[in-house]
Amino acid sequence: MYLRTTTRKNTDGSVTTYYQLAHNTRNPKTKVPEVKVIYNFGRADSLNRDDLVRLCKSIARVCEVTVTDNTCAEQSNTDKEQEGLPEDVKIVSSLELGAVFVIEQLWERLGIGPELRSIS
């Protein structure tokens, strides 16, 4: 599943963007991938961003991962960087690997990884 964006050009020339929760499936007859829209969130300009962040955090809680909102002004960057670290430890750099971690966990929980390893 993924968050899909679609755009539409209006008669006045403006562009409207929509958000959808989607999933790709393969048509058994044509063998061509098809997009299945699971949920329409609506127009991007009328959505409440906080609702989407809350949804992300809810999904992350179930998957036992952490989601951070980088545009949230609740904490300064230095507070975020030092949260839970000893004073003598400084962060030099970091990488966003949340999506990779979630995909890896789903791969294992669904049994795809063990099944493929048993074949080879």
PDB file of N, CA and C in Angstrom:
ATOM      1  N   MET A   1       0.828  -1.174   0.000  1.00  0.00           N
ATOM      2  CA  MET A   1       0.000   0.000   0.000  1.00  0.00           C
ATOM      3  C   MET A   1       0.876   1.242   0.000  1.00  0.00           C
ATOM      4  N   TYR A   2       0.347   2.284  -0.548  1.00  0.00           N
ATOM      5  CA  TYR A   2       1.086   3.532  -0.618  1.00  0.00           C
ATOM      6  C   TYR A   2       0.119   4.701  -0.749  1.00  0.00           C
ATOM      7  N   LEU A   3       0.625   5.883  -0.464  1.00  0.00           N
ATOM      8  CA  LEU A   3      -0.173   7.098  -0.629  1.00  0.00           C
ATOM      9  C   LEU A   3       0.035   7.585  -2.058  1.00  0.00           C
ATOM     10  N   ARG A   4      -1.044   7.634  -2.794  1.00  0.00           N
ATOM     11  CA  ARG A   4      -0.987   8.006  -4.210  1.00  0.00           C
ATOM     12  C   ARG A   4      -1.513   9.422  -4.368  1.00  0.00           C
ATOM     13  N   THR A   5      -0.878  10.180  -5.229  1.00  0.00           N
ATOM     14  CA  THR A   5      -1.375  11.513  -5.552  1.00  0.00           C
ATOM     15  C   THR A   5      -1.809  11.526  -7.012  1.00  0.00           C
ATOM     16  N   THR A   6      -2.951  12.114  -7.245  1.00  0.00           N
ATOM     17  CA  THR A   6      -3.428  12.312  -8.610  1.00  0.00           C
ATOM     18  C   THR A   6      -3.705  13.792  -8.785  1.00  0.00           C
ATOM     19  N   THR A   7      -3.514  14.279  -9.994  1.00  0.00           N
ATOM     20  CA  THR A   7      -3.755  15.692 -10.264  1.00  0.00           C
ATOM     21  C   THR A   7      -4.774  15.825 -11.389  1.00  0.00           C
ATOM     22  N   ARG A   8      -5.470  16.943 -11.336  1.00  0.00           N
ATOM     23  CA  ARG A   8      -6.475  17.242 -12.352  1.00  0.00           C
ATOM     24  C   ARG A   8      -6.315  18.704 -12.731  1.00  0.00           C
ATOM     25  N   LYS A   9      -6.309  18.979 -14.023  1.00  0.00           N
ATOM     26  CA  LYS A   9      -6.217  20.354 -14.486  1.00  0.00           C
ATOM     27  C   LYS A   9      -7.634  20.897 -14.654  1.00  0.00           C
ATOM     28  N   ASN A  10      -7.922  22.000 -13.977  1.00  0.00           N
ATOM     29  CA  ASN A  10      -9.239  22.618 -14.030  1.00  0.00           C
ATOM     30  C   ASN A  10      -9.372  23.495 -15.272  1.00  0.00           C
ATOM     31  N   THR A  11     -10.593  23.878 -15.588  1.00  0.00           N
ATOM     32  CA  THR A  11     -10.832  24.692 -16.782  1.00  0.00           C
ATOM     33  C   THR A  11     -10.171  26.062 -16.687  1.00  0.00           C
ATOM     34  N   ASP A  12      -9.981  26.565 -15.466  1.00  0.00           N
ATOM     35  CA  ASP A  12      -9.317  27.866 -15.320  1.00  0.00           C
ATOM     36  C   ASP A  12      -7.791  27.762 -15.364  1.00  0.00           C
ATOM     37  N   GLY A  13      -7.256  26.543 -15.561  1.00  0.00           N
ATOM     38  CA  GLY A  13      -5.818  26.346 -15.669  1.00  0.00           C
ATOM     39  C   GLY A  13      -5.155  25.929 -14.368  1.00  0.00           C
ATOM     40  N   SER A  14      -5.866  26.035 -13.256  1.00  0.00           N
ATOM     41  CA  SER A  14      -5.280  25.620 -11.983  1.00  0.00           C
ATOM     42  C   SER A  14      -5.243  24.093 -11.899  1.00  0.00           C
ATOM     43  N   VAL A  15      -4.389  23.596 -11.027  1.00  0.00           N
ATOM     44  CA  VAL A  15      -4.227  22.157 -10.859  1.00  0.00           C
ATOM     45  C   VAL A  15      -4.677  21.774  -9.454  1.00  0.00           C
ATOM     46  N   THR A  16      -5.475  20.727  -9.353  1.00  0.00           N
ATOM     47  CA  THR A  16      -5.949  20.223  -8.068  1.00  0.00           C
ATOM     48  C   THR A  16      -5.331  18.855  -7.836  1.00  0.00           C
ATOM     49  N   THR A  17      -4.797  18.635  -6.634  1.00  0.00           N
ATOM     50  CA  THR A  17      -4.176  17.371  -6.273  1.00  0.00           C
ATOM     51  C   THR A  17      -5.056  16.634  -5.270  1.00  0.00           C
ATOM     52  N   TYR A  18      -5.151  15.325  -5.453  1.00  0.00           N
ATOM     53  CA  TYR A  18      -5.932  14.471  -4.563  1.00  0.00           C
ATOM     54  C   TYR A  18      -5.014  13.398  -3.976  1.00  0.00           C
ATOM     55  N   TYR A  19      -5.326  12.973  -2.725  1.00  0.00           N
ATOM     56  CA  TYR A  19      -4.584  11.891  -2.071  1.00  0.00           C
ATOM     57  C   TYR A  19      -5.473  10.662  -1.978  1.00  0.00           C
ATOM     58  N   GLN A  20      -4.859   9.492  -2.245  1.00  0.00           N
ATOM     59  CA  GLN A  20      -5.575   8.232  -2.157  1.00  0.00           C
ATOM     60  C   GLN A  20      -4.660   7.176  -1.536  1.00  0.00           C
ATOM     61  N   LEU A  21      -5.237   6.278  -0.763  1.00  0.00           N
ATOM     62  CA  LEU A  21      -4.515   5.112  -0.289  1.00  0.00           C
ATOM     63  C   LEU A  21      -4.726   4.045  -1.343  1.00  0.00           C
ATOM     64  N   ALA A  22      -3.646   3.524  -1.907  1.00  0.00           N
ATOM     65  CA  ALA A  22      -3.765   2.611  -3.042  1.00  0.00           C
ATOM     66  C   ALA A  22      -2.917   1.362  -2.827  1.00  0.00           C
ATOM     67  N   HIS A  23      -3.201   0.365  -3.647  1.00  0.00           N
ATOM     68  CA  HIS A  23      -2.495  -0.911  -3.598  1.00  0.00           C
ATOM     69  C   HIS A  23      -2.427  -1.454  -5.020  1.00  0.00           C
ATOM     70  N   ASN A  24      -1.287  -1.987  -5.419  1.00  0.00           N
ATOM     71  CA  ASN A  24      -1.150  -2.560  -6.754  1.00  0.00           C
ATOM     72  C   ASN A  24      -1.466  -4.050  -6.715  1.00  0.00           C
ATOM     73  N   THR A  25      -2.256  -4.495  -7.667  1.00  0.00           N
ATOM     74  CA  THR A  25      -2.550  -5.913  -7.846  1.00  0.00           C
ATOM     75  C   THR A  25      -2.319  -6.264  -9.307  1.00  0.00           C
ATOM     76  N   ARG A  26      -2.161  -7.545  -9.577  1.00  0.00           N
ATOM     77  CA  ARG A  26      -1.968  -7.984 -10.955  1.00  0.00           C
ATOM     78  C   ARG A  26      -3.267  -8.622 -11.444  1.00  0.00           C
ATOM     79  N   ASN A  27      -3.743  -8.160 -12.579  1.00  0.00           N
ATOM     80  CA  ASN A  27      -4.954  -8.716 -13.177  1.00  0.00           C
ATOM     81  C   ASN A  27      -4.647 -10.147 -13.617  1.00  0.00           C
ATOM     82  N   PRO A  28      -5.428 -11.138 -13.146  1.00  0.00           N
ATOM     83  CA  PRO A  28      -5.112 -12.531 -13.480  1.00  0.00           C
ATOM     84  C   PRO A  28      -5.279 -12.862 -14.963  1.00  0.00           C
ATOM     85  N   LYS A  29      -6.135 -12.135 -15.661  1.00  0.00           N
ATOM     86  CA  LYS A  29      -6.353 -12.424 -17.075  1.00  0.00           C
ATOM     87  C   LYS A  29      -5.316 -11.752 -17.964  1.00  0.00           C
ATOM     88  N   THR A  30      -5.101 -10.453 -17.757  1.00  0.00           N
ATOM     89  CA  THR A  30      -4.197  -9.705 -18.627  1.00  0.00           C
ATOM     90  C   THR A  30      -2.757  -9.709 -18.129  1.00  0.00           C
ATOM     91  N   LYS A  31      -2.537 -10.110 -16.866  1.00  0.00           N
ATOM     92  CA  LYS A  31      -1.202 -10.127 -16.245  1.00  0.00           C
ATOM     93  C   LYS A  31      -0.585  -8.739 -16.164  1.00  0.00           C
ATOM     94  N   VAL A  32      -1.428  -7.718 -16.178  1.00  0.00           N
ATOM     95  CA  VAL A  32      -0.968  -6.327 -16.115  1.00  0.00           C
ATOM     96  C   VAL A  32      -1.269  -5.780 -14.721  1.00  0.00           C
ATOM     97  N   PRO A  33      -0.315  -5.054 -14.108  1.00  0.00           N
ATOM     98  CA  PRO A  33      -0.585  -4.468 -12.789  1.00  0.00           C
ATOM     99  C   PRO A  33      -1.709  -3.430 -12.867  1.00  0.00           C
ATOM    100  N   GLU A  34      -2.559  -3.437 -11.850  1.00  0.00           N
ATOM    101  CA  GLU A  34      -3.654  -2.479 -11.757  1.00  0.00           C
ATOM    102  C   GLU A  34      -3.623  -1.821 -10.391  1.00  0.00           C
ATOM    103  N   VAL A  35      -3.997  -0.560 -10.350  1.00  0.00           N
ATOM    104  CA  VAL A  35      -4.072   0.171  -9.085  1.00  0.00           C
ATOM    105  C   VAL A  35      -5.470  -0.008  -8.507  1.00  0.00           C
ATOM    106  N   LYS A  36      -5.525  -0.435  -7.266  1.00  0.00           N
ATOM    107  CA  LYS A  36      -6.799  -0.528  -6.546  1.00  0.00           C
ATOM    108  C   LYS A  36      -6.791   0.569  -5.487  1.00  0.00           C
ATOM    109  N   VAL A  37      -7.722   1.502  -5.591  1.00  0.00           N
ATOM    110  CA  VAL A  37      -7.830   2.575  -4.605  1.00  0.00           C
ATOM    111  C   VAL A  37      -8.615   2.037  -3.418  1.00  0.00           C
ATOM    112  N   ILE A  38      -7.979   2.087  -2.245  1.00  0.00           N
ATOM    113  CA  ILE A  38      -8.599   1.578  -1.029  1.00  0.00           C
ATOM    114  C   ILE A  38      -9.395   2.672  -0.334  1.00  0.00           C
ATOM    115  N   TYR A  39      -8.849   3.895  -0.347  1.00  0.00           N
ATOM    116  CA  TYR A  39      -9.531   4.992   0.332  1.00  0.00           C
ATOM    117  C   TYR A  39      -9.166   6.311  -0.342  1.00  0.00           C
ATOM    118  N   ASN A  40     -10.145   7.172  -0.556  1.00  0.00           N
ATOM    119  CA  ASN A  40      -9.914   8.516  -1.081  1.00  0.00           C
ATOM    120  C   ASN A  40      -9.875   9.492   0.084  1.00  0.00           C
ATOM    121  N   PHE A  41      -8.730  10.128   0.278  1.00  0.00           N
ATOM    122  CA  PHE A  41      -8.614  11.120   1.341  1.00  0.00           C
ATOM    123  C   PHE A  41      -9.219  12.453   0.923  1.00  0.00           C
ATOM    124  N   GLY A  42      -9.231  12.739  -0.359  1.00  0.00           N
ATOM    125  CA  GLY A  42      -9.814  13.978  -0.857  1.00  0.00           C
ATOM    126  C   GLY A  42      -8.758  14.934  -1.381  1.00  0.00           C
ATOM    127  N   ARG A  43      -9.162  16.188  -1.540  1.00  0.00           N
ATOM    128  CA  ARG A  43      -8.275  17.211  -2.091  1.00  0.00           C
ATOM    129  C   ARG A  43      -7.144  17.512  -1.121  1.00  0.00           C
ATOM    130  N   ALA A  44      -5.935  17.633  -1.647  1.00  0.00           N
ATOM    131  CA  ALA A  44      -4.765  17.900  -0.818  1.00  0.00           C
ATOM    132  C   ALA A  44      -4.869  19.252  -0.118  1.00  0.00           C
ATOM    133  N   ASP A  45      -5.447  20.243  -0.795  1.00  0.00           N
ATOM    134  CA  ASP A  45      -5.514  21.571  -0.195  1.00  0.00           C
ATOM    135  C   ASP A  45      -6.586  21.691   0.889  1.00  0.00           C
ATOM    136  N   SER A  46      -7.496  20.713   0.988  1.00  0.00           N
ATOM    137  CA  SER A  46      -8.525  20.781   2.017  1.00  0.00           C
ATOM    138  C   SER A  46      -8.323  19.747   3.131  1.00  0.00           C
ATOM    139  N   LEU A  47      -7.252  18.962   3.040  1.00  0.00           N
ATOM    140  CA  LEU A  47      -6.976  17.957   4.061  1.00  0.00           C
ATOM    141  C   LEU A  47      -6.345  18.589   5.288  1.00  0.00           C
ATOM    142  N   ASN A  48      -6.615  18.007   6.426  1.00  0.00           N
ATOM    143  CA  ASN A  48      -5.971  18.416   7.654  1.00  0.00           C
ATOM    144  C   ASN A  48      -4.693  17.588   7.789  1.00  0.00           C
ATOM    145  N   ARG A  49      -3.549  18.247   7.667  1.00  0.00           N
ATOM    146  CA  ARG A  49      -2.262  17.560   7.723  1.00  0.00           C
ATOM    147  C   ARG A  49      -2.088  16.798   9.026  1.00  0.00           C
ATOM    148  N   ASP A  50      -2.576  17.357  10.127  1.00  0.00           N
ATOM    149  CA  ASP A  50      -2.446  16.701  11.426  1.00  0.00           C
ATOM    150  C   ASP A  50      -3.167  15.353  11.448  1.00  0.00           C
ATOM    151  N   ASP A  51      -4.275  15.234  10.718  1.00  0.00           N
ATOM    152  CA  ASP A  51      -4.989  13.959  10.649  1.00  0.00           C
ATOM    153  C   ASP A  51      -4.140  12.895   9.956  1.00  0.00           C
ATOM    154  N   LEU A  52      -3.451  13.289   8.870  1.00  0.00           N
ATOM    155  CA  LEU A  52      -2.581  12.335   8.176  1.00  0.00           C
ATOM    156  C   LEU A  52      -1.399  11.929   9.050  1.00  0.00           C
ATOM    157  N   VAL A  53      -0.833  12.887   9.782  1.00  0.00           N
ATOM    158  CA  VAL A  53       0.284  12.573  10.687  1.00  0.00           C
ATOM    159  C   VAL A  53      -0.199  11.622  11.775  1.00  0.00           C
ATOM    160  N   ARG A  54      -1.386  11.852  12.313  1.00  0.00           N
ATOM    161  CA  ARG A  54      -1.943  10.986  13.347  1.00  0.00           C
ATOM    162  C   ARG A  54      -2.150   9.570  12.791  1.00  0.00           C
ATOM    163  N   LEU A  55      -2.610   9.459  11.540  1.00  0.00           N
ATOM    164  CA  LEU A  55      -2.777   8.152  10.901  1.00  0.00           C
ATOM    165  C   LEU A  55      -1.428   7.453  10.761  1.00  0.00           C
ATOM    166  N   CYS A  56      -0.408   8.189  10.332  1.00  0.00           N
ATOM    167  CA  CYS A  56       0.941   7.620  10.204  1.00  0.00           C
ATOM    168  C   CYS A  56       1.449   7.106  11.546  1.00  0.00           C
ATOM    169  N   LYS A  57       1.235   7.869  12.590  1.00  0.00           N
ATOM    170  CA  LYS A  57       1.690   7.458  13.918  1.00  0.00           C
ATOM    171  C   LYS A  57       0.928   6.237  14.413  1.00  0.00           C
ATOM    172  N   SER A  58      -0.346   6.148  14.082  1.00  0.00           N
ATOM    173  CA  SER A  58      -1.140   4.989  14.472  1.00  0.00           C
ATOM    174  C   SER A  58      -0.638   3.728  13.778  1.00  0.00           C
ATOM    175  N   ILE A  59      -0.364   3.829  12.480  1.00  0.00           N
ATOM    176  CA  ILE A  59       0.175   2.684  11.731  1.00  0.00           C
ATOM    177  C   ILE A  59       1.550   2.315  12.275  1.00  0.00           C
ATOM    178  N   ALA A  60       2.372   3.312  12.562  1.00  0.00           N
ATOM    179  CA  ALA A  60       3.709   3.059  13.087  1.00  0.00           C
ATOM    180  C   ALA A  60       3.653   2.356  14.438  1.00  0.00           C
ATOM    181  N   ARG A  61       2.681   2.730  15.270  1.00  0.00           N
ATOM    182  CA  ARG A  61       2.547   2.094  16.583  1.00  0.00           C
ATOM    183  C   ARG A  61       2.268   0.607  16.420  1.00  0.00           C
ATOM    184  N   VAL A  62       1.384   0.247  15.496  1.00  0.00           N
ATOM    185  CA  VAL A  62       1.054  -1.158  15.260  1.00  0.00           C
ATOM    186  C   VAL A  62       2.271  -1.909  14.716  1.00  0.00           C
ATOM    187  N   CYS A  63       3.050  -1.246  13.866  1.00  0.00           N
ATOM    188  CA  CYS A  63       4.236  -1.866  13.259  1.00  0.00           C
ATOM    189  C   CYS A  63       5.474  -1.765  14.158  1.00  0.00           C
ATOM    190  N   GLU A  64       5.304  -1.140  15.324  1.00  0.00           N
ATOM    191  CA  GLU A  64       6.393  -0.970  16.290  1.00  0.00           C
ATOM    192  C   GLU A  64       7.572  -0.198  15.702  1.00  0.00           C
ATOM    193  N   VAL A  65       7.274   0.886  15.000  1.00  0.00           N
ATOM    194  CA  VAL A  65       8.298   1.799  14.491  1.00  0.00           C
ATOM    195  C   VAL A  65       7.951   3.207  14.966  1.00  0.00           C
ATOM    196  N   THR A  66       8.891   4.118  14.801  1.00  0.00           N
ATOM    197  CA  THR A  66       8.690   5.492  15.239  1.00  0.00           C
ATOM    198  C   THR A  66       8.572   6.407  14.032  1.00  0.00           C
ATOM    199  N   VAL A  67       7.598   7.302  14.076  1.00  0.00           N
ATOM    200  CA  VAL A  67       7.413   8.302  13.027  1.00  0.00           C
ATOM    201  C   VAL A  67       7.720   9.658  13.629  1.00  0.00           C
ATOM    202  N   THR A  68       8.543  10.433  12.936  1.00  0.00           N
ATOM    203  CA  THR A  68       8.827  11.788  13.391  1.00  0.00           C
ATOM    204  C   THR A  68       8.266  12.772  12.385  1.00  0.00           C
ATOM    205  N   ASP A  69       7.710  13.849  12.881  1.00  0.00           N
ATOM    206  CA  ASP A  69       7.147  14.904  12.039  1.00  0.00           C
ATOM    207  C   ASP A  69       8.181  16.024  11.980  1.00  0.00           C
ATOM    208  N   ASN A  70       8.921  16.101  10.891  1.00  0.00           N
ATOM    209  CA  ASN A  70      10.018  17.068  10.773  1.00  0.00           C
ATOM    210  C   ASN A  70       9.557  18.506  10.679  1.00  0.00           C
ATOM    211  N   THR A  71       8.303  18.753  10.341  1.00  0.00           N
ATOM    212  CA  THR A  71       7.826  20.131  10.242  1.00  0.00           C
ATOM    213  C   THR A  71       7.182  20.605  11.536  1.00  0.00           C
ATOM    214  N   CYS A  72       7.088  19.728  12.508  1.00  0.00           N
ATOM    215  CA  CYS A  72       6.462  20.076  13.778  1.00  0.00           C
ATOM    216  C   CYS A  72       7.411  20.966  14.581  1.00  0.00           C
ATOM    217  N   ALA A  73       6.895  22.058  15.115  1.00  0.00           N
ATOM    218  CA  ALA A  73       7.729  23.022  15.830  1.00  0.00           C
ATOM    219  C   ALA A  73       7.695  22.810  17.343  1.00  0.00           C
ATOM    220  N   GLU A  74       7.255  21.618  17.783  1.00  0.00           N
ATOM    221  CA  GLU A  74       7.162  21.384  19.215  1.00  0.00           C
ATOM    222  C   GLU A  74       8.530  21.359  19.889  1.00  0.00           C
ATOM    223  N   GLN A  75       9.531  20.823  19.204  1.00  0.00           N
ATOM    224  CA  GLN A  75      10.871  20.729  19.760  1.00  0.00           C
ATOM    225  C   GLN A  75      11.849  21.378  18.797  1.00  0.00           C
ATOM    226  N   SER A  76      12.903  21.932  19.338  1.00  0.00           N
ATOM    227  CA  SER A  76      13.951  22.462  18.467  1.00  0.00           C
ATOM    228  C   SER A  76      14.768  21.295  17.935  1.00  0.00           C
ATOM    229  N   ASN A  77      15.539  21.527  16.878  1.00  0.00           N
ATOM    230  CA  ASN A  77      16.348  20.463  16.296  1.00  0.00           C
ATOM    231  C   ASN A  77      17.349  19.899  17.288  1.00  0.00           C
ATOM    232  N   THR A  78      17.918  20.749  18.116  1.00  0.00           N
ATOM    233  CA  THR A  78      18.895  20.244  19.081  1.00  0.00           C
ATOM    234  C   THR A  78      18.220  19.361  20.114  1.00  0.00           C
ATOM    235  N   ASP A  79      16.996  19.681  20.515  1.00  0.00           N
ATOM    236  CA  ASP A  79      16.275  18.832  21.455  1.00  0.00           C
ATOM    237  C   ASP A  79      15.978  17.476  20.826  1.00  0.00           C
ATOM    238  N   LYS A  80      15.571  17.465  19.553  1.00  0.00           N
ATOM    239  CA  LYS A  80      15.268  16.214  18.863  1.00  0.00           C
ATOM    240  C   LYS A  80      16.516  15.356  18.747  1.00  0.00           C
ATOM    241  N   GLU A  81      17.625  15.993  18.393  1.00  0.00           N
ATOM    242  CA  GLU A  81      18.853  15.244  18.201  1.00  0.00           C
ATOM    243  C   GLU A  81      19.335  14.601  19.494  1.00  0.00           C
ATOM    244  N   GLN A  82      19.191  15.283  20.619  1.00  0.00           N
ATOM    245  CA  GLN A  82      19.753  14.824  21.873  1.00  0.00           C
ATOM    246  C   GLN A  82      18.781  14.011  22.713  1.00  0.00           C
ATOM    247  N   GLU A  83      17.556  13.855  22.266  1.00  0.00           N
ATOM    248  CA  GLU A  83      16.555  13.156  23.048  1.00  0.00           C
ATOM    249  C   GLU A  83      16.990  11.719  23.313  1.00  0.00           C
ATOM    250  N   GLY A  84      17.149  11.358  24.592  1.00  0.00           N
ATOM    251  CA  GLY A  84      17.491  10.000  24.988  1.00  0.00           C
ATOM    252  C   GLY A  84      18.955   9.647  24.865  1.00  0.00           C
ATOM    253  N   LEU A  85      19.809  10.591  24.508  1.00  0.00           N
ATOM    254  CA  LEU A  85      21.241  10.312  24.369  1.00  0.00           C
ATOM    255  C   LEU A  85      22.014  10.895  25.546  1.00  0.00           C
ATOM    256  N   PRO A  86      23.104  10.240  25.935  1.00  0.00           N
ATOM    257  CA  PRO A  86      23.971  10.843  26.959  1.00  0.00           C
ATOM    258  C   PRO A  86      24.542  12.159  26.451  1.00  0.00           C
ATOM    259  N   GLU A  87      24.927  13.036  27.376  1.00  0.00           N
ATOM    260  CA  GLU A  87      25.431  14.359  26.992  1.00  0.00           C
ATOM    261  C   GLU A  87      26.692  14.308  26.150  1.00  0.00           C
ATOM    262  N   ASP A  88      27.541  13.286  26.356  1.00  0.00           N
ATOM    263  CA  ASP A  88      28.804  13.228  25.621  1.00  0.00           C
ATOM    264  C   ASP A  88      28.675  12.575  24.242  1.00  0.00           C
ATOM    265  N   VAL A  89      27.471  12.152  23.853  1.00  0.00           N
ATOM    266  CA  VAL A  89      27.248  11.550  22.542  1.00  0.00           C
ATOM    267  C   VAL A  89      26.631  12.600  21.622  1.00  0.00           C
ATOM    268  N   LYS A  90      27.252  12.827  20.479  1.00  0.00           N
ATOM    269  CA  LYS A  90      26.762  13.781  19.491  1.00  0.00           C
ATOM    270  C   LYS A  90      26.416  13.045  18.198  1.00  0.00           C
ATOM    271  N   ILE A  91      25.297  13.405  17.586  1.00  0.00           N
ATOM    272  CA  ILE A  91      24.902  12.800  16.311  1.00  0.00           C
ATOM    273  C   ILE A  91      25.636  13.520  15.190  1.00  0.00           C
ATOM    274  N   VAL A  92      26.357  12.758  14.384  1.00  0.00           N
ATOM    275  CA  VAL A  92      27.094  13.328  13.260  1.00  0.00           C
ATOM    276  C   VAL A  92      26.212  13.355  12.022  1.00  0.00           C
ATOM    277  N   SER A  93      25.514  12.247  11.741  1.00  0.00           N
ATOM    278  CA  SER A  93      24.590  12.186  10.614  1.00  0.00           C
ATOM    279  C   SER A  93      23.626  11.036  10.852  1.00  0.00           C
ATOM    280  N   SER A  94      22.524  11.037  10.106  1.00  0.00           N
ATOM    281  CA  SER A  94      21.553   9.955  10.210  1.00  0.00           C
ATOM    282  C   SER A  94      20.879   9.759   8.865  1.00  0.00           C
ATOM    283  N   LEU A  95      20.275   8.599   8.686  1.00  0.00           N
ATOM    284  CA  LEU A  95      19.573   8.270   7.458  1.00  0.00           C
ATOM    285  C   LEU A  95      18.131   7.903   7.787  1.00  0.00           C
ATOM    286  N   GLU A  96      17.201   8.248   6.910  1.00  0.00           N
ATOM    287  CA  GLU A  96      15.808   7.858   7.063  1.00  0.00           C
ATOM    288  C   GLU A  96      15.654   6.438   6.526  1.00  0.00           C
ATOM    289  N   LEU A  97      15.512   5.461   7.402  1.00  0.00           N
ATOM    290  CA  LEU A  97      15.362   4.075   6.978  1.00  0.00           C
ATOM    291  C   LEU A  97      14.054   3.461   7.452  1.00  0.00           C
ATOM    292  N   GLY A  98      13.114   4.280   7.879  1.00  0.00           N
ATOM    293  CA  GLY A  98      11.858   3.769   8.397  1.00  0.00           C
ATOM    294  C   GLY A  98      11.105   2.914   7.395  1.00  0.00           C
ATOM    295  N   ALA A  99      11.008   3.373   6.154  1.00  0.00           N
ATOM    296  CA  ALA A  99      10.260   2.627   5.137  1.00  0.00           C
ATOM    297  C   ALA A  99      10.923   1.281   4.865  1.00  0.00           C
ATOM    298  N   VAL A 100      12.245   1.270   4.808  1.00  0.00           N
ATOM    299  CA  VAL A 100      12.970   0.023   4.572  1.00  0.00           C
ATOM    300  C   VAL A 100      12.703  -0.955   5.707  1.00  0.00           C
ATOM    301  N   PHE A 101      12.721  -0.461   6.939  1.00  0.00           N
ATOM    302  CA  PHE A 101      12.473  -1.310   8.100  1.00  0.00           C
ATOM    303  C   PHE A 101      11.065  -1.898   8.062  1.00  0.00           C
ATOM    304  N   VAL A 102      10.067  -1.070   7.766  1.00  0.00           N
ATOM    305  CA  VAL A 102       8.682  -1.551   7.714  1.00  0.00           C
ATOM    306  C   VAL A 102       8.517  -2.609   6.637  1.00  0.00           C
ATOM    307  N   ILE A 103       9.074  -2.369   5.449  1.00  0.00           N
ATOM    308  CA  ILE A 103       8.963  -3.328   4.356  1.00  0.00           C
ATOM    309  C   ILE A 103       9.645  -4.645   4.726  1.00  0.00           C
ATOM    310  N   GLU A 104      10.818  -4.565   5.351  1.00  0.00           N
ATOM    311  CA  GLU A 104      11.534  -5.770   5.764  1.00  0.00           C
ATOM    312  C   GLU A 104      10.710  -6.574   6.776  1.00  0.00           C
ATOM    313  N   GLN A 105      10.109  -5.877   7.747  1.00  0.00           N
ATOM    314  CA  GLN A 105       9.302  -6.559   8.755  1.00  0.00           C
ATOM    315  C   GLN A 105       8.061  -7.204   8.131  1.00  0.00           C
ATOM    316  N   LEU A 106       7.396  -6.500   7.211  1.00  0.00           N
ATOM    317  CA  LEU A 106       6.243  -7.080   6.527  1.00  0.00           C
ATOM    318  C   LEU A 106       6.645  -8.305   5.708  1.00  0.00           C
ATOM    319  N   TRP A 107       7.773  -8.208   5.040  1.00  0.00           N
ATOM    320  CA  TRP A 107       8.321  -9.299   4.228  1.00  0.00           C
ATOM    321  C   TRP A 107       8.479 -10.550   5.099  1.00  0.00           C
ATOM    322  N   GLU A 108       9.048 -10.373   6.294  1.00  0.00           N
ATOM    323  CA  GLU A 108       9.275 -11.503   7.183  1.00  0.00           C
ATOM    324  C   GLU A 108       7.969 -12.003   7.797  1.00  0.00           C
ATOM    325  N   ARG A 109       7.110 -11.100   8.262  1.00  0.00           N
ATOM    326  CA  ARG A 109       5.860 -11.509   8.909  1.00  0.00           C
ATOM    327  C   ARG A 109       4.920 -12.230   7.952  1.00  0.00           C
ATOM    328  N   LEU A 110       4.940 -11.840   6.685  1.00  0.00           N
ATOM    329  CA  LEU A 110       4.093 -12.499   5.696  1.00  0.00           C
ATOM    330  C   LEU A 110       4.687 -13.821   5.205  1.00  0.00           C
ATOM    331  N   GLY A 111       5.936 -14.097   5.612  1.00  0.00           N
ATOM    332  CA  GLY A 111       6.561 -15.362   5.248  1.00  0.00           C
ATOM    333  C   GLY A 111       7.178 -15.384   3.875  1.00  0.00           C
ATOM    334  N   ILE A 112       7.286 -14.244   3.232  1.00  0.00           N
ATOM    335  CA  ILE A 112       7.857 -14.200   1.878  1.00  0.00           C
ATOM    336  C   ILE A 112       9.347 -14.499   1.919  1.00  0.00           C
ATOM    337  N   GLY A 113      10.060 -13.872   2.849  1.00  0.00           N
ATOM    338  CA  GLY A 113      11.508 -14.076   2.963  1.00  0.00           C
ATOM    339  C   GLY A 113      11.874 -15.523   3.231  1.00  0.00           C
ATOM    340  N   PRO A 114      11.309 -16.144   4.285  1.00  0.00           N
ATOM    341  CA  PRO A 114      11.631 -17.545   4.560  1.00  0.00           C
ATOM    342  C   PRO A 114      11.277 -18.481   3.400  1.00  0.00           C
ATOM    343  N   GLU A 115      10.151 -18.205   2.738  1.00  0.00           N
ATOM    344  CA  GLU A 115       9.747 -19.041   1.617  1.00  0.00           C
ATOM    345  C   GLU A 115      10.759 -18.959   0.472  1.00  0.00           C
ATOM    346  N   LEU A 116      11.190 -17.753   0.141  1.00  0.00           N
ATOM    347  CA  LEU A 116      12.178 -17.601  -0.938  1.00  0.00           C
ATOM    348  C   LEU A 116      13.523 -18.199  -0.552  1.00  0.00           C
ATOM    349  N   ARG A 117      13.901 -18.069   0.722  1.00  0.00           N
ATOM    350  CA  ARG A 117      15.171 -18.665   1.161  1.00  0.00           C
ATOM    351  C   ARG A 117      15.124 -20.185   1.112  1.00  0.00           C
ATOM    352  N   SER A 118      13.951 -20.770   1.357  1.00  0.00           N
ATOM    353  CA  SER A 118      13.841 -22.236   1.318  1.00  0.00           C
ATOM    354  C   SER A 118      13.901 -22.772  -0.122  1.00  0.00           C
ATOM    355  N   ILE A 119      13.518 -21.939  -1.087  1.00  0.00           N
ATOM    356  CA  ILE A 119      13.537 -22.367  -2.490  1.00  0.00           C
ATOM    357  C   ILE A 119      14.954 -22.421  -3.033  1.00  0.00           C
ATOM    358  N   SER A 120      15.777 -21.441  -2.665  1.00  0.00           N
ATOM    359  CA  SER A 120      17.126 -21.374  -3.257  1.00  0.00           C
ATOM    360  C   SER A 120      18.128 -22.235  -2.574  1.00  0.00           C
TER     361      SER A 120
END
